[in-house]
Amino acid sequence: MNDLKNIDDLVFLLKNKIQNVKSGDKVCIIHHDDADGCTSAALLSMLLFKLTNQFPDLFPIRGPNNLSRNLLSKLKTVNPDFVFTLDISIEPKKLGIFNGFVLDHHVQNIESKENMIYINPRSFENIDDKVPPTSCMIYKLYKSFFPNDKIAWIAAIGITEDHRVEICKDVFLEVSKDYPTLFNEKNINQENVEKSIFGELWDMVRSGRMIKRNEGAKIAVQALIECFDDPQKFINGLSTNSYTLRKFYENIEKETDKILQDVLKNGKFYEAKKVIVYEAKFSKINSLTSFASDKLRQRYPDWIICVVGREYGSQNKKISIRLEQTRRNVNLVEVLNKIKEKMPSIKGGGHKSAVGVSLQKNQLNSFFKIFLDSI
């Protein structure tokens, strides 16, 4: 990683890289398709437009394993002058023929290349709870160029998703100043913010990938760009893409009601450990396990939530595990690492309060036995 000492150093490095982009350059952004990735892509797209008068090409993906040959072929066809990767742990050597950076915040140990550098705040911040999400870092980059633009509300959506409200209070205070009728919460913490309009905005943004996968994630980014100076326009679906996104969100709301009812019938409640295990039913909606785990965490904030689903594109099982970090003093990454010592074939990672796991169906019982013994 780069020799960074603090967030100011990181933003300075990003700024130097962005300043190399000139009018007429072709730029591609690869970004995670979740709310943190989409809000980051929207902010960086708007920044590049203001600097060069043209928008970059967007390539949302589910995660690092989705950096496919097909995507690389598309990038080669575009032949961009710069490639910027947001919120995904991709090794720079996989993008080695391009110039740019990989901006990440997950637990990784990845080497930079001279032309494609890897930037991660974990190079100077060892405490997981204090590592900022990508949306916060891109927000600070944007504000270093245009300090008067009222775009904090976009960054706040990604921050809410990544459970980093407490370390990004300055962003929410900026939202209160910019749009006092939108957000004016005095006690700024994760739980209160999720109960505010930002819980709905988070669901709106992630509904894109849930309904239309990559195309839906693009719609979410474009909707944010269309409404960058008017969050009410975004909320009420008053632009072309925000209208579509609003319809997606309404479908997701219906799915939420079904999940909350079904978990009462079919969920396993381990009272002694305060753990709920719920196997999500088949659905045409994508990323349902992570969505359901967040909704159940909000409904049962004192419990650890484990939602099991089928991993997209394979017969493996995916488990999304969530907890409300203000209520449970458990580090899910540490728990997962202990399980990996006994079950080295399973894959997964994430944050202290949110992890994803991939494993074979026949490993589920063993996984949960060790999991329950580890907390």
Protein backbone atom coordinates (compact mmCIF):
# COMPACT_ATOMS: atom_id res chain seq x y z
CA MET A 1 0.00 0.00 0.00
CA ASN A 2 1.00 3.64 -0.28
CA ASP A 3 2.80 5.43 2.54
CA LEU A 4 -0.23 7.32 3.86
CA LYS A 5 -0.44 8.74 7.38
CA ASN A 6 -4.06 9.98 7.51
CA ILE A 7 -7.20 10.68 5.50
CA ASP A 8 -5.84 14.03 4.34
CA ASP A 9 -2.87 12.26 2.74
CA LEU A 10 -5.26 9.84 1.06
CA VAL A 11 -7.44 12.62 -0.37
CA PHE A 12 -4.33 14.49 -1.53
CA LEU A 13 -3.15 11.38 -3.38
CA LEU A 14 -6.57 10.92 -5.01
CA LYS A 15 -6.65 14.57 -6.00
CA ASN A 16 -3.27 14.32 -7.70
CA LYS A 17 -4.50 11.34 -9.71
CA ILE A 18 -7.77 13.02 -10.72
CA GLN A 19 -5.97 16.18 -11.79
CA ASN A 20 -4.19 14.13 -14.44
CA VAL A 21 -7.50 13.63 -16.26
CA LYS A 22 -7.86 16.11 -19.11
CA SER A 23 -10.77 17.12 -21.30
CA GLY A 24 -11.18 14.53 -24.04
CA ASP A 25 -9.73 11.65 -21.99
CA LYS A 26 -11.75 8.44 -21.85
CA VAL A 27 -12.47 7.35 -18.27
CA CYS A 28 -14.05 4.14 -16.98
CA ILE A 29 -15.28 3.59 -13.42
CA ILE A 30 -15.58 0.05 -12.07
CA HIS A 31 -17.61 0.12 -8.88
CA HIS A 32 -19.36 -2.16 -6.44
CA ASP A 33 -23.08 -2.41 -7.16
CA ASP A 34 -24.14 -1.70 -3.55
CA ALA A 35 -25.11 1.71 -2.14
CA ASP A 36 -21.56 2.61 -1.07
CA GLY A 37 -20.24 1.77 -4.53
CA CYS A 38 -23.09 3.48 -6.39
CA THR A 39 -22.93 6.71 -4.39
CA SER A 40 -19.14 6.77 -4.80
CA ALA A 41 -19.51 6.30 -8.56
CA ALA A 42 -22.13 9.07 -8.75
CA LEU A 43 -19.94 11.54 -6.85
CA LEU A 44 -16.81 10.73 -8.86
CA SER A 45 -18.79 10.91 -12.12
CA MET A 46 -20.08 14.38 -11.25
CA LEU A 47 -16.62 15.52 -10.24
CA LEU A 48 -15.11 14.32 -13.52
CA PHE A 49 -17.91 16.00 -15.47
CA LYS A 50 -17.27 19.31 -13.74
CA LEU A 51 -13.55 19.00 -14.49
CA THR A 52 -13.71 17.70 -18.07
CA ASN A 53 -17.29 18.33 -19.28
CA GLN A 54 -17.89 14.63 -19.93
CA PHE A 55 -19.11 11.67 -17.92
CA PRO A 56 -17.16 8.42 -17.50
CA ASP A 57 -18.37 4.99 -18.60
CA LEU A 58 -19.76 2.97 -15.68
CA PHE A 59 -19.13 -0.71 -14.99
CA PRO A 60 -20.90 -1.86 -11.81
CA ILE A 61 -20.00 -5.37 -10.60
CA ARG A 62 -21.05 -7.59 -7.72
CA GLY A 63 -17.55 -8.03 -6.32
CA PRO A 64 -13.91 -8.83 -7.15
CA ASN A 65 -14.80 -12.27 -8.50
CA ASN A 66 -16.94 -10.58 -11.14
CA LEU A 67 -14.01 -8.88 -12.86
CA SER A 68 -14.60 -11.21 -15.78
CA ARG A 69 -12.83 -11.71 -19.08
CA ASN A 70 -15.91 -10.25 -20.73
CA LEU A 71 -15.61 -7.05 -18.68
CA LEU A 72 -11.90 -6.79 -19.40
CA SER A 73 -12.66 -7.21 -23.11
CA LYS A 74 -15.18 -4.36 -22.91
CA LEU A 75 -12.60 -2.16 -21.22
CA LYS A 76 -10.05 -2.95 -23.90
CA THR A 77 -12.61 -2.03 -26.55
CA VAL A 78 -13.20 1.34 -24.87
CA ASN A 79 -9.41 1.74 -24.52
CA PRO A 80 -9.69 4.25 -21.66
CA ASP A 81 -7.00 6.69 -20.64
CA PHE A 82 -7.92 6.04 -17.00
CA VAL A 83 -9.69 3.33 -15.01
CA PHE A 84 -10.82 4.07 -11.46
CA THR A 85 -12.09 1.25 -9.27
CA LEU A 86 -14.28 1.98 -6.25
CA ASP A 87 -15.23 -0.13 -3.22
CA ILE A 88 -13.89 -3.45 -4.58
CA SER A 89 -10.81 -5.41 -3.51
CA ILE A 90 -9.28 -5.90 -6.97
CA GLU A 91 -5.58 -6.54 -7.36
CA PRO A 92 -4.05 -3.79 -9.54
CA LYS A 93 -2.12 -6.38 -11.55
CA LYS A 94 -5.46 -7.58 -12.98
CA LEU A 95 -5.92 -4.08 -14.43
CA GLY A 96 -2.24 -3.66 -15.14
CA ILE A 97 -2.63 -2.49 -18.75
CA PHE A 98 -4.59 0.58 -17.59
CA ASN A 99 -3.70 3.74 -15.67
CA GLY A 100 -5.61 4.75 -12.56
CA PHE A 101 -6.28 3.59 -9.02
CA VAL A 102 -8.15 1.04 -6.93
CA LEU A 103 -9.83 2.71 -3.94
CA ASP A 104 -10.83 0.12 -1.36
CA HIS A 105 -11.58 -0.05 2.37
CA HIS A 106 -11.92 -3.77 3.02
CA VAL A 107 -9.48 -5.92 4.98
CA GLN A 108 -6.87 -6.78 2.35
CA ASN A 109 -3.13 -6.82 1.78
CA ILE A 110 -2.76 -5.86 -1.88
CA GLU A 111 0.26 -4.52 -3.72
CA SER A 112 0.11 -1.48 -6.00
CA LYS A 113 1.47 -1.23 -9.51
CA GLU A 114 3.20 1.89 -10.72
CA ASN A 115 0.42 2.72 -13.18
CA MET A 116 -2.49 1.29 -11.15
CA ILE A 117 -2.09 2.09 -7.46
CA TYR A 118 -3.99 0.49 -4.61
CA ILE A 119 -5.31 2.93 -1.99
CA ASN A 120 -6.84 1.82 1.29
CA PRO A 121 -7.24 3.76 4.59
CA ARG A 122 -6.32 0.58 6.44
CA SER A 123 -2.73 1.42 5.56
CA PHE A 124 -2.85 3.97 8.39
CA GLU A 125 -5.97 2.99 10.36
CA ASN A 126 -5.93 -0.33 12.25
CA ILE A 127 -9.23 0.06 14.11
CA ASP A 128 -12.02 -1.37 11.95
CA ASP A 129 -14.71 0.96 13.34
CA LYS A 130 -12.68 3.98 12.22
CA VAL A 131 -12.10 2.95 8.60
CA PRO A 132 -14.16 5.28 6.35
CA PRO A 133 -16.30 3.89 3.53
CA THR A 134 -15.51 4.70 -0.09
CA SER A 135 -18.40 7.15 -0.35
CA CYS A 136 -16.92 9.25 2.45
CA MET A 137 -13.49 9.32 0.83
CA ILE A 138 -14.85 10.31 -2.59
CA TYR A 139 -17.03 12.94 -0.91
CA LYS A 140 -13.95 14.51 0.68
CA LEU A 141 -12.17 14.37 -2.68
CA TYR A 142 -15.11 16.13 -4.36
CA LYS A 143 -15.28 18.81 -1.68
CA SER A 144 -11.55 19.48 -2.06
CA PHE A 145 -12.36 20.73 -5.57
CA PHE A 146 -15.82 22.24 -5.03
CA PRO A 147 -16.38 22.99 -1.33
CA ASN A 148 -19.70 24.78 -1.82
CA ASP A 149 -21.58 22.02 -3.68
CA LYS A 150 -24.39 20.47 -1.64
CA ILE A 151 -23.69 16.80 -2.26
CA ALA A 152 -23.28 15.46 1.30
CA TRP A 153 -26.70 13.74 1.10
CA ILE A 154 -25.37 11.39 -1.59
CA ALA A 155 -22.33 10.38 0.45
CA ALA A 156 -24.54 9.89 3.51
CA ILE A 157 -26.43 7.08 1.75
CA GLY A 158 -23.26 5.04 1.23
CA ILE A 159 -22.04 5.80 4.74
CA THR A 160 -25.34 4.55 6.17
CA GLU A 161 -25.02 1.29 4.28
CA ASP A 162 -21.48 0.68 5.49
CA HIS A 163 -22.38 1.24 9.16
CA ARG A 164 -19.97 4.13 9.54
CA VAL A 165 -22.32 6.91 10.65
CA GLU A 166 -20.51 7.57 13.93
CA ILE A 167 -17.13 8.31 12.29
CA CYS A 168 -18.71 10.39 9.49
CA LYS A 169 -20.89 12.68 11.58
CA ASP A 170 -19.43 15.69 9.77
CA VAL A 171 -21.14 14.52 6.57
CA PHE A 172 -24.53 14.30 8.27
CA LEU A 173 -24.03 17.69 9.90
CA GLU A 174 -23.36 19.03 6.41
CA VAL A 175 -26.62 17.46 5.21
CA SER A 176 -28.46 19.18 8.08
CA LYS A 177 -26.96 22.49 7.01
CA ASP A 178 -27.68 21.97 3.31
CA TYR A 179 -31.18 20.50 3.66
CA PRO A 180 -32.56 21.02 7.19
CA THR A 181 -36.03 19.77 6.20
CA LEU A 182 -34.51 16.53 4.91
CA PHE A 183 -32.40 15.65 7.94
CA ASN A 184 -32.14 17.37 11.29
CA GLU A 185 -31.32 14.54 13.71
CA LYS A 186 -29.60 15.81 16.86
CA ASN A 187 -28.31 12.42 18.02
CA ILE A 188 -26.39 11.16 14.99
CA ASN A 189 -25.78 7.42 15.29
CA GLN A 190 -26.28 4.39 13.05
CA GLU A 191 -29.61 3.33 14.51
CA ASN A 192 -31.19 6.79 14.37
CA VAL A 193 -29.93 7.49 10.85
CA GLU A 194 -31.37 4.22 9.55
CA LYS A 195 -34.73 5.22 11.01
CA SER A 196 -34.52 8.57 9.23
CA ILE A 197 -35.01 9.29 5.53
CA PHE A 198 -31.58 7.76 4.92
CA GLY A 199 -32.92 4.30 5.63
CA GLU A 200 -35.32 4.80 2.73
CA LEU A 201 -32.66 6.36 0.50
CA TRP A 202 -30.35 3.41 1.16
CA ASP A 203 -33.12 1.00 0.14
CA MET A 204 -33.87 3.04 -2.96
CA VAL A 205 -30.27 2.92 -4.17
CA ARG A 206 -29.77 -0.79 -3.53
CA SER A 207 -33.12 -1.65 -5.11
CA GLY A 208 -31.45 -0.99 -8.46
CA ARG A 209 -29.14 -4.00 -8.30
CA MET A 210 -31.82 -6.09 -6.60
CA ILE A 211 -34.27 -5.72 -9.47
CA LYS A 212 -32.03 -5.28 -12.53
CA ARG A 213 -28.53 -6.30 -11.43
CA ASN A 214 -25.80 -4.30 -13.24
CA GLU A 215 -28.26 -2.32 -15.32
CA GLY A 216 -30.20 -1.45 -12.16
CA ALA A 217 -27.04 -0.27 -10.42
CA LYS A 218 -26.37 2.03 -13.39
CA ILE A 219 -29.90 3.39 -13.08
CA ALA A 220 -29.24 4.14 -9.40
CA VAL A 221 -26.03 6.03 -10.20
CA GLN A 222 -27.68 7.97 -13.01
CA ALA A 223 -30.64 8.84 -10.79
CA LEU A 224 -28.27 10.29 -8.16
CA ILE A 225 -26.49 12.31 -10.84
CA GLU A 226 -29.78 13.66 -12.23
CA CYS A 227 -30.87 14.80 -8.76
CA PHE A 228 -27.51 15.81 -7.27
CA ASP A 229 -28.75 19.24 -6.12
CA ASP A 230 -32.30 18.21 -5.20
CA PRO A 231 -32.72 15.15 -2.94
CA GLN A 232 -36.51 15.60 -2.89
CA LYS A 233 -36.52 15.12 -6.65
CA PHE A 234 -34.70 11.83 -6.09
CA ILE A 235 -36.96 10.68 -3.25
CA ASN A 236 -40.15 11.39 -5.18
CA GLY A 237 -38.98 9.94 -8.49
CA LEU A 238 -39.21 13.19 -10.43
CA SER A 239 -36.46 12.47 -12.95
CA THR A 240 -36.31 9.74 -15.56
CA ASN A 241 -34.05 7.34 -13.67
CA SER A 242 -35.25 8.20 -10.17
CA TYR A 243 -38.81 7.40 -11.29
CA THR A 244 -37.67 3.94 -12.39
CA LEU A 245 -35.72 3.50 -9.16
CA ARG A 246 -38.75 4.51 -7.12
CA LYS A 247 -40.76 1.73 -8.76
CA PHE A 248 -37.99 -0.74 -7.94
CA TYR A 249 -38.09 0.42 -4.32
CA GLU A 250 -41.85 -0.12 -4.09
CA ASN A 251 -41.33 -3.75 -5.17
CA ILE A 252 -38.66 -4.16 -2.52
CA GLU A 253 -40.97 -2.82 0.18
CA LYS A 254 -43.46 -5.59 -0.59
CA GLU A 255 -40.69 -8.17 -0.35
CA THR A 256 -39.68 -6.76 3.04
CA ASP A 257 -43.14 -7.37 4.47
CA LYS A 258 -43.04 -10.99 3.29
CA ILE A 259 -39.65 -11.60 4.88
CA LEU A 260 -40.57 -10.12 8.25
CA GLN A 261 -43.68 -12.31 8.38
CA ASP A 262 -41.95 -15.47 7.18
CA VAL A 263 -39.09 -15.29 9.68
CA LEU A 264 -41.62 -15.63 12.51
CA LYS A 265 -42.79 -18.93 11.01
CA ASN A 266 -39.57 -20.39 9.64
CA GLY A 267 -36.67 -18.66 11.37
CA LYS A 268 -34.60 -20.42 14.05
CA PHE A 269 -34.30 -18.31 17.19
CA TYR A 270 -31.38 -19.35 19.42
CA GLU A 271 -32.39 -17.57 22.59
CA ALA A 272 -29.28 -18.36 24.63
CA LYS A 273 -26.97 -16.78 22.04
CA LYS A 274 -29.46 -14.23 20.70
CA VAL A 275 -28.92 -15.50 17.15
CA ILE A 276 -31.52 -15.80 14.39
CA VAL A 277 -30.88 -18.13 11.43
CA TYR A 278 -33.28 -17.72 8.53
CA GLU A 279 -33.19 -19.45 5.14
CA ALA A 280 -34.58 -17.06 2.56
CA LYS A 281 -37.07 -18.49 0.11
CA PHE A 282 -36.40 -18.48 -3.61
CA SER A 283 -36.94 -15.07 -5.13
CA LYS A 284 -36.27 -13.40 -8.46
CA ILE A 285 -34.91 -10.45 -6.50
CA ASN A 286 -31.10 -10.30 -6.39
CA SER A 287 -28.96 -9.77 -3.28
CA LEU A 288 -31.90 -10.83 -1.15
CA THR A 289 -29.78 -12.37 1.63
CA SER A 290 -27.90 -9.16 2.44
CA PHE A 291 -31.09 -7.11 2.17
CA ALA A 292 -33.05 -9.47 4.42
CA SER A 293 -30.27 -9.56 6.99
CA ASP A 294 -30.30 -5.76 7.26
CA LYS A 295 -34.08 -5.63 7.61
CA LEU A 296 -34.05 -8.30 10.31
CA ARG A 297 -31.20 -6.54 12.12
CA GLN A 298 -33.30 -3.40 12.23
CA ARG A 299 -36.30 -5.36 13.54
CA TYR A 300 -34.22 -7.37 16.06
CA PRO A 301 -31.35 -5.02 17.04
CA ASP A 302 -30.24 -7.14 20.04
CA TRP A 303 -29.79 -10.27 17.94
CA ILE A 304 -27.14 -11.49 15.47
CA ILE A 305 -28.87 -12.14 12.16
CA CYS A 306 -27.82 -14.92 9.76
CA VAL A 307 -29.69 -15.16 6.46
CA VAL A 308 -28.96 -18.10 4.16
CA GLY A 309 -29.55 -17.96 0.43
CA ARG A 310 -28.19 -19.44 -2.78
CA GLU A 311 -25.10 -17.79 -4.18
CA TYR A 312 -25.84 -16.27 -7.58
CA GLY A 313 -24.50 -18.34 -10.46
CA SER A 314 -23.64 -21.44 -8.41
CA GLN A 315 -25.09 -24.15 -6.18
CA ASN A 316 -23.18 -22.84 -3.17
CA LYS A 317 -24.89 -21.23 -0.24
CA LYS A 318 -24.38 -17.62 0.78
CA ILE A 319 -24.81 -16.40 4.36
CA SER A 320 -25.22 -12.72 5.19
CA ILE A 321 -24.51 -12.05 8.86
CA ARG A 322 -25.36 -8.74 10.52
CA LEU A 323 -25.48 -7.23 13.97
CA GLU A 324 -26.31 -3.83 15.42
CA GLN A 325 -22.89 -2.73 16.66
CA THR A 326 -24.36 -0.36 19.24
CA ARG A 327 -26.10 -3.34 20.89
CA ARG A 328 -23.71 -6.30 20.42
CA ASN A 329 -20.00 -6.23 21.21
CA VAL A 330 -19.03 -8.99 18.77
CA ASN A 331 -16.50 -8.67 15.95
CA LEU A 332 -17.91 -10.76 13.10
CA VAL A 333 -14.65 -10.68 11.14
CA GLU A 334 -12.78 -12.20 14.09
CA VAL A 335 -15.48 -14.85 14.50
CA LEU A 336 -15.35 -15.69 10.80
CA ASN A 337 -11.55 -15.98 10.87
CA LYS A 338 -11.78 -18.47 13.74
CA ILE A 339 -14.24 -20.55 11.73
CA LYS A 340 -11.94 -20.44 8.69
CA GLU A 341 -9.20 -22.03 10.79
CA LYS A 342 -11.44 -25.07 11.24
CA MET A 343 -13.15 -24.84 7.84
CA PRO A 344 -10.49 -23.44 5.47
CA SER A 345 -12.56 -24.07 2.33
CA ILE A 346 -15.19 -21.47 3.16
CA LYS A 347 -14.82 -17.98 1.74
CA GLY A 348 -15.95 -14.62 3.03
CA GLY A 349 -15.16 -11.38 4.76
CA GLY A 350 -16.51 -7.93 5.49
CA HIS A 351 -16.67 -5.62 8.49
CA LYS A 352 -16.99 -5.97 12.24
CA SER A 353 -20.78 -5.76 12.05
CA ALA A 354 -21.45 -7.22 8.60
CA VAL A 355 -19.90 -10.22 6.82
CA GLY A 356 -20.75 -12.41 3.87
CA VAL A 357 -19.87 -16.11 3.66
CA SER A 358 -19.81 -18.55 0.73
CA LEU A 359 -19.77 -22.28 1.35
CA GLN A 360 -21.13 -25.60 0.12
CA LYS A 361 -24.61 -26.65 1.16
CA ASN A 362 -23.32 -29.67 3.11
CA GLN A 363 -21.16 -27.35 5.23
CA LEU A 364 -24.04 -25.33 6.67
CA ASN A 365 -24.64 -27.40 9.81
CA SER A 366 -20.93 -27.49 10.68
CA PHE A 367 -20.61 -23.77 10.05
CA PHE A 368 -23.44 -22.81 12.39
CA LYS A 369 -22.32 -25.21 15.09
CA ILE A 370 -18.89 -23.56 15.17
CA PHE A 371 -20.44 -20.10 14.79
CA LEU A 372 -22.70 -20.53 17.81
CA ASP A 373 -19.81 -21.91 19.86
CA SER A 374 -17.64 -18.90 18.88
CA ILE A 375 -19.86 -16.08 20.12
